[in-house]
Protein backbone atom coordinates (compact mmCIF):
# COMPACT_ATOMS: atom_id res chain seq x y z
CA MET A 1 122.78 105.04 122.84
CA LYS A 2 121.94 108.68 124.16
CA ILE A 3 119.30 110.15 122.30
CA GLY A 4 118.01 113.40 121.53
CA ILE A 5 115.01 114.36 119.76
CA ILE A 6 115.07 118.10 118.14
CA GLY A 7 111.45 119.18 117.85
CA GLY A 8 109.71 116.90 120.15
CA THR A 9 106.13 118.13 120.23
CA GLY A 10 104.76 117.38 116.92
CA TYR A 11 102.83 114.38 116.05
CA VAL A 12 106.60 112.78 114.76
CA GLY A 13 108.27 113.74 117.79
CA GLY A 14 105.67 112.53 120.45
CA GLU A 15 105.70 108.97 118.62
CA LEU A 16 109.45 108.91 118.76
CA LEU A 17 109.18 109.38 122.39
CA ARG A 18 106.88 106.91 122.54
CA LEU A 19 108.79 104.02 121.10
CA LEU A 20 112.33 104.98 122.65
CA LEU A 21 110.97 105.80 126.32
CA LEU A 22 110.60 101.69 125.82
CA HIS A 23 113.54 101.10 123.86
CA PRO A 24 116.00 98.96 126.01
CA GLU A 25 119.22 100.14 123.84
CA ALA A 26 118.14 103.83 123.65
CA GLU A 27 118.12 106.27 126.50
CA VAL A 28 116.27 109.55 125.56
CA THR A 29 118.46 112.27 127.52
CA MET A 30 117.08 115.55 125.92
CA VAL A 31 114.05 116.42 123.97
CA THR A 32 114.08 120.38 122.65
CA SER A 33 111.33 122.50 121.86
CA ARG A 34 111.24 127.09 121.50
CA GLN A 35 107.67 127.24 122.37
CA SER A 36 107.49 124.25 125.08
CA ALA A 37 110.36 124.89 126.92
CA GLY A 38 109.98 123.99 130.33
CA GLU A 39 107.24 122.07 130.14
CA PHE A 40 107.19 118.43 131.17
CA VAL A 41 106.96 116.05 127.94
CA PHE A 42 103.72 114.56 128.99
CA ASN A 43 101.99 117.59 129.28
CA VAL A 44 102.16 118.20 125.65
CA HIS A 45 101.92 113.98 124.92
CA PRO A 46 99.27 113.17 127.49
CA ASN A 47 99.93 109.25 126.73
CA LEU A 48 103.42 109.33 128.28
CA ARG A 49 102.27 110.29 131.75
CA GLY A 50 103.74 107.74 134.44
CA LEU A 51 106.61 106.80 131.85
CA THR A 52 108.98 110.09 131.73
CA GLN A 53 109.99 112.87 133.37
CA LEU A 54 111.58 114.89 130.96
CA LYS A 55 111.16 118.51 130.49
CA PHE A 56 111.24 120.27 127.00
CA VAL A 57 114.33 121.99 126.61
CA PRO A 58 115.76 124.86 124.31
CA LEU A 59 117.94 123.82 121.65
CA ASP A 60 121.57 123.96 122.30
CA ILE A 61 123.96 122.00 119.90
CA ALA A 62 126.46 122.22 122.87
CA GLU A 63 124.40 120.55 125.17
CA LEU A 64 123.43 118.10 122.55
CA GLN A 65 127.22 117.26 122.11
CA LYS A 66 127.79 116.73 125.93
CA ASN A 67 124.74 114.63 126.03
CA CYS A 68 123.87 112.56 123.18
CA ASP A 69 125.69 110.04 120.58
CA LEU A 70 122.58 110.75 117.97
CA VAL A 71 119.89 112.89 117.60
CA PHE A 72 116.72 112.62 115.56
CA THR A 73 115.33 115.85 113.80
CA ALA A 74 111.68 116.24 114.04
CA THR A 75 111.21 119.61 112.48
CA PRO A 76 108.93 120.86 109.75
CA HIS A 77 110.33 120.49 105.90
CA GLY A 78 113.07 123.20 105.60
CA GLY A 79 113.95 123.37 108.91
CA ALA A 80 116.63 120.86 109.33
CA VAL A 81 118.49 121.55 106.09
CA ASN A 82 120.87 123.91 108.25
CA LEU A 83 120.74 122.50 111.54
CA VAL A 84 121.88 118.96 110.58
CA PRO A 85 125.67 120.23 109.44
CA LYS A 86 126.22 121.36 112.37
CA LEU A 87 125.10 118.63 114.41
CA LEU A 88 127.57 116.60 112.16
CA GLU A 89 130.31 118.91 112.92
CA ALA A 90 129.71 118.14 116.47
CA GLY A 91 130.08 114.47 116.17
CA LEU A 92 126.50 113.27 116.29
CA LYS A 93 124.78 110.93 114.26
CA VAL A 94 121.81 111.90 112.88
CA ILE A 95 118.31 110.74 111.59
CA ASP A 96 116.21 113.08 109.58
CA MET A 97 112.56 113.08 109.64
CA SER A 98 112.29 115.88 107.65
CA ALA A 99 112.07 115.84 103.41
CA ASP A 100 115.52 117.93 103.80
CA PHE A 101 117.91 115.06 102.64
CA ARG A 102 116.02 112.54 100.76
CA LEU A 103 116.61 113.76 97.57
CA LYS A 104 119.79 113.09 95.74
CA ASN A 105 119.31 115.90 93.09
CA PRO A 106 119.97 119.32 94.38
CA SER A 107 117.76 120.81 91.74
CA ASP A 108 114.88 118.59 92.54
CA TYR A 109 114.46 121.25 95.78
CA ASP A 110 113.56 123.83 93.43
CA LYS A 111 111.56 121.41 91.43
CA TRP A 112 108.99 120.07 94.19
CA TYR A 113 109.81 122.02 97.14
CA GLY A 114 110.28 125.81 95.82
CA TRP A 115 113.94 126.59 97.86
CA LYS A 116 117.36 125.82 96.92
CA HIS A 117 119.24 123.53 99.12
CA THR A 118 122.18 125.26 100.80
CA ASN A 119 123.96 122.04 101.66
CA PRO A 120 123.71 119.69 98.85
CA GLN A 121 127.17 118.30 99.50
CA LEU A 122 125.52 116.66 102.30
CA LEU A 123 122.66 115.11 99.95
CA LYS A 124 125.31 112.49 98.47
CA GLU A 125 126.30 111.73 101.71
CA ALA A 126 122.34 111.09 103.34
CA VAL A 127 121.12 107.45 103.04
CA TYR A 128 117.62 107.29 102.17
CA GLY A 129 116.07 105.65 105.34
CA LEU A 130 114.14 102.90 103.81
CA PRO A 131 115.34 99.59 105.14
CA GLU A 132 114.23 97.27 102.91
CA PHE A 133 116.37 98.53 99.99
CA HIS A 134 119.47 100.21 101.72
CA ARG A 135 119.86 98.57 104.91
CA GLU A 136 123.78 98.08 103.96
CA GLU A 137 124.25 101.49 103.85
CA ILE A 138 122.05 102.51 106.94
CA LYS A 139 124.73 100.72 108.85
CA SER A 140 127.67 102.85 108.82
CA ALA A 141 125.38 106.29 107.99
CA LYS A 142 126.32 108.97 110.09
CA LEU A 143 122.77 110.97 108.29
CA VAL A 144 119.78 109.23 107.48
CA ALA A 145 117.19 110.75 105.89
CA CYS A 146 113.79 108.63 106.58
CA PRO A 147 111.05 108.77 103.67
CA GLY A 148 107.74 109.94 103.56
CA CYS A 149 104.83 108.23 104.38
CA MET A 150 102.87 108.08 101.36
CA ALA A 151 106.46 107.50 99.63
CA THR A 152 107.26 104.42 101.91
CA ALA A 153 103.69 102.72 100.99
CA THR A 154 103.71 103.32 97.24
CA ILE A 155 107.74 102.45 97.13
CA LEU A 156 107.21 99.32 98.83
CA ALA A 157 103.89 98.28 97.44
CA LEU A 158 105.66 98.53 93.30
CA ALA A 159 109.53 97.48 93.81
CA PRO A 160 109.00 94.11 93.56
CA ALA A 161 107.02 94.28 90.50
CA VAL A 162 109.50 97.56 88.82
CA LYS A 163 112.18 95.82 89.46
CA ALA A 164 111.36 92.39 87.81
CA GLY A 165 110.21 94.17 84.55
CA PHE A 166 106.58 92.97 84.94
CA VAL A 167 105.00 96.37 84.11
CA GLU A 168 104.97 99.40 81.88
CA GLU A 169 107.42 102.09 83.35
CA ASN A 170 105.75 104.76 82.01
CA ARG A 171 101.97 104.16 82.93
CA ILE A 172 102.07 103.70 86.93
CA VAL A 173 98.91 105.29 88.77
CA ALA A 174 98.89 105.87 92.78
CA ASP A 175 95.96 106.54 94.45
CA VAL A 176 96.71 107.06 98.15
CA LYS A 177 94.42 107.58 100.89
CA ILE A 178 95.98 109.41 104.12
CA GLY A 179 94.46 110.00 107.66
CA SER A 180 94.49 113.63 109.14
CA SER A 181 97.73 113.27 111.02
CA GLY A 182 99.87 113.16 108.11
CA GLY A 183 99.08 117.19 108.27
CA GLY A 184 100.99 117.22 111.43
CA SER A 185 100.00 119.05 114.86
CA LYS A 186 99.56 122.76 113.76
CA PRO A 187 95.90 122.69 112.41
CA THR A 188 95.02 124.44 108.98
CA ILE A 189 91.27 125.15 107.86
CA ALA A 190 91.66 121.96 105.29
CA SER A 191 92.59 119.57 108.52
CA HIS A 192 89.78 121.18 110.71
CA HIS A 193 87.87 118.73 111.98
CA PRO A 194 84.08 120.03 110.38
CA GLU A 195 85.85 120.42 107.44
CA ARG A 196 87.87 116.97 107.43
CA PHE A 197 84.79 114.83 108.79
CA GLY A 198 82.98 112.27 106.69
CA GLY A 199 84.62 114.00 103.49
CA VAL A 200 87.61 112.32 100.48
CA ARG A 201 88.99 115.11 99.68
CA PRO A 202 91.77 114.78 96.74
CA TYR A 203 94.56 117.98 97.21
CA LYS A 204 98.08 118.43 95.61
CA VAL A 205 96.62 115.88 92.88
CA ALA A 206 98.77 116.40 90.23
CA ALA A 207 102.33 117.39 91.61
CA HIS A 208 103.12 115.86 95.13
CA ARG A 209 106.12 115.94 96.23
CA HIS A 210 106.28 112.27 97.52
CA VAL A 211 106.68 111.49 93.64
CA ALA A 212 109.79 112.75 93.84
CA GLU A 213 111.03 110.11 96.50
CA VAL A 214 109.04 107.19 94.66
CA GLU A 215 110.33 108.06 91.30
CA GLN A 216 113.93 108.12 92.63
CA GLU A 217 113.82 104.92 94.34
CA LEU A 218 112.13 103.27 91.72
CA ASN A 219 114.61 104.16 89.01
CA ALA A 220 117.63 102.88 91.08
CA LEU A 221 116.02 99.50 90.57
CA SER A 222 114.66 99.64 86.97
CA THR A 223 116.42 99.28 83.71
CA GLU A 224 113.73 101.83 81.98
CA PRO A 225 112.92 105.20 82.67
CA VAL A 226 110.22 105.21 85.89
CA THR A 227 107.40 107.74 85.49
CA VAL A 228 104.52 107.67 88.51
CA SER A 229 101.24 109.86 88.53
CA PHE A 230 100.31 110.07 91.92
CA THR A 231 97.02 111.99 93.85
CA PRO A 232 96.92 111.67 97.17
CA HIS A 233 93.57 111.98 99.33
CA ALA A 234 92.46 113.05 102.82
CA VAL A 235 90.37 110.79 104.31
CA ASN A 236 88.44 110.55 107.53
CA ILE A 237 90.46 108.20 110.00
CA VAL A 238 93.59 109.65 112.62
CA ARG A 239 95.97 107.10 110.88
CA GLY A 240 96.76 105.06 108.29
CA ILE A 241 97.79 105.32 104.52
CA LEU A 242 96.42 103.01 102.09
CA SER A 243 98.40 103.42 98.40
CA THR A 244 96.36 101.95 95.27
CA VAL A 245 98.56 101.46 92.62
CA HIS A 246 97.45 100.65 89.00
CA THR A 247 100.08 99.53 86.95
CA PHE A 248 99.60 97.50 83.65
CA MET A 249 101.52 94.43 82.54
CA LYS A 250 104.24 94.08 79.77
CA THR A 251 103.30 90.40 79.24
CA PRO A 252 100.43 88.50 81.00
CA LEU A 253 101.04 87.25 84.63
CA THR A 254 99.67 84.67 86.94
CA SER A 255 99.51 84.75 90.88
CA LYS A 256 102.28 82.21 91.22
CA ASP A 257 104.88 85.22 89.44
CA LEU A 258 103.62 87.84 91.46
CA TRP A 259 104.02 85.64 94.80
CA ARG A 260 107.29 84.52 93.71
CA THR A 261 108.81 87.78 92.64
CA LEU A 262 107.26 89.29 96.35
CA ARG A 263 109.09 86.37 98.48
CA SER A 264 112.28 87.13 96.54
CA THR A 265 112.17 90.62 97.09
CA TYR A 266 111.25 90.77 100.70
CA GLN A 267 112.45 87.34 101.91
CA GLY A 268 113.31 87.63 105.96
CA GLU A 269 112.19 91.35 106.10
CA PRO A 270 110.63 91.68 109.57
CA PHE A 271 107.84 94.43 108.63
CA ILE A 272 106.80 93.20 105.23
CA ARG A 273 103.58 91.34 105.62
CA PHE A 274 101.75 89.98 102.58
CA VAL A 275 97.81 90.07 102.55
CA LYS A 276 95.88 88.26 99.92
CA TYR A 277 92.83 85.87 101.58
CA GLN A 278 89.92 84.37 99.98
CA LYS A 279 87.54 85.20 102.57
CA GLY A 280 87.26 87.42 105.68
CA PRO A 281 86.90 91.22 105.88
CA TYR A 282 90.89 91.85 105.37
CA GLN A 283 91.11 90.14 101.86
CA LEU A 284 93.51 93.12 100.98
CA PRO A 285 95.92 95.04 102.71
CA ASP A 286 93.76 98.04 105.10
CA PRO A 287 95.68 100.42 107.07
CA LYS A 288 93.41 100.00 110.11
CA VAL A 289 95.04 96.64 110.71
CA THR A 290 98.48 98.14 110.98
CA LEU A 291 97.59 100.92 113.77
CA GLY A 292 100.45 101.30 116.01
CA THR A 293 102.81 98.94 114.54
CA ASN A 294 105.81 98.84 112.14
CA PHE A 295 104.34 96.77 109.33
CA CYS A 296 103.48 97.40 105.85
CA ASP A 297 101.01 95.32 104.33
CA ILE A 298 101.33 94.06 100.57
CA GLY A 299 99.05 92.76 98.46
CA PHE A 300 97.77 92.69 94.58
CA GLU A 301 95.23 91.51 92.59
CA LEU A 302 95.49 90.89 88.88
CA ASP A 303 92.73 92.35 85.95
CA PRO A 304 93.42 89.93 83.03
CA ARG A 305 90.02 92.08 81.22
CA THR A 306 92.02 95.46 81.30
CA ASN A 307 95.73 93.84 81.37
CA ARG A 308 96.15 95.47 85.07
CA LEU A 309 98.19 94.49 87.84
CA LEU A 310 96.88 96.44 91.02
CA LEU A 311 99.24 96.76 94.00
CA PHE A 312 98.32 97.27 97.30
CA GLY A 313 100.48 99.16 100.54
CA ALA A 314 98.82 99.82 103.77
CA ILE A 315 100.98 101.22 107.23
CA ASP A 316 100.43 103.50 110.04
CA ASN A 317 101.73 106.96 108.57
CA MET A 318 103.42 107.80 112.32
CA VAL A 319 105.21 104.56 112.69
CA LYS A 320 106.28 102.71 109.66
CA GLY A 321 105.38 105.87 107.91
CA ALA A 322 107.51 108.14 110.22
CA SER A 323 109.01 107.35 113.87
CA GLY A 324 108.41 103.46 113.73
CA GLN A 325 111.07 103.44 110.70
CA GLY A 326 113.42 105.95 112.10
CA VAL A 327 113.75 103.28 115.18
CA GLN A 328 114.28 100.82 112.69
CA CYS A 329 116.94 102.50 111.06
CA LEU A 330 118.75 103.34 114.68
CA ASN A 331 118.43 99.36 115.46
CA ILE A 332 120.28 98.72 112.44
CA MET A 333 122.94 101.35 113.27
CA LEU A 334 123.46 100.17 116.47
CA GLY A 335 123.73 96.54 115.33
CA VAL A 336 120.79 95.30 117.21
CA ASP A 337 117.92 93.28 116.39
CA GLU A 338 115.78 95.57 113.59
CA THR A 339 112.54 94.58 116.00
CA THR A 340 113.69 96.01 119.07
CA GLY A 341 111.29 98.44 120.48
CA LEU A 342 108.90 98.10 117.53
CA LYS A 343 107.09 94.47 118.49
CA SER A 344 103.66 95.40 118.60
CA THR A 345 100.50 93.35 117.24
CA GLY A 346 98.28 96.72 116.85
CA PHE A 347 94.77 96.79 118.00
CA HIS A 348 91.56 95.37 116.87
CA PRO A 349 88.90 96.47 117.20
CA MET A 350 90.20 99.83 116.49
């Protein structure tokens, strides 16, 4: 399949290129950029030096239509909402990496993003690109909306317990740690190295926009309304997310109960790993172990004293949290093995 990438200079675009340039079933034919048009791709993404001679080109839908079968849109939030309809009209399939088509209720964009959605009719057509729960829809989709990175880690950790009805739906607290690459490639004073280094900084502590995705997806699995309290923290790593979710049990649970529901929910899932060991430094999920991979590591711990069930989800925010998940969706749309182009052990030590 011939692939175009719109907005190829950012971290997500660069990671898409890293994965797709080596993908046996895909050929990257166009990479667009306004600011870097005419530049070699490897001048912006130096890790790709020796892998490609592609140059960035200006955005031209007629050229994309001529040279591509499917387009990834890796634009900032709000940048794809009016572009995607034109791509679809040109007969192109689209995998959107932004938040512009993730939410089903148009009014949620006013509430969580502060702008009115100008193409609400496409929200029903868009498929939320979380393969573990939307695989069949993704197969025939023309528009896939890839999930947010923190939403991915939190949903995958929580979903089995919520689906089984194990926990109180209105008492869920997600404490999320995320690396600096989650803020994108354009620095701000908050992401500037001297300001971030050595710190653990809470931000957007009570109304982070990824809550909307988390609640949307969990409510689809639950018979009772689900409410999630969600607080992210910027931590001193480049890649990685750890979502630690505090839930409260409706009735006492055992480890066997948890293992049973985890295995039944994720049986056969190629990128879900369960991590709960009794020895060694990595007894529970740690994002460091997922770096460079498309895995989501899931673990749990029971705290009978306080009636808590703690759930953990760890991912590389640039892979399973973004570009890797997009490529996984591409594989599903192509009808090839989902792990194609995504088989990696990661690195250790890192």
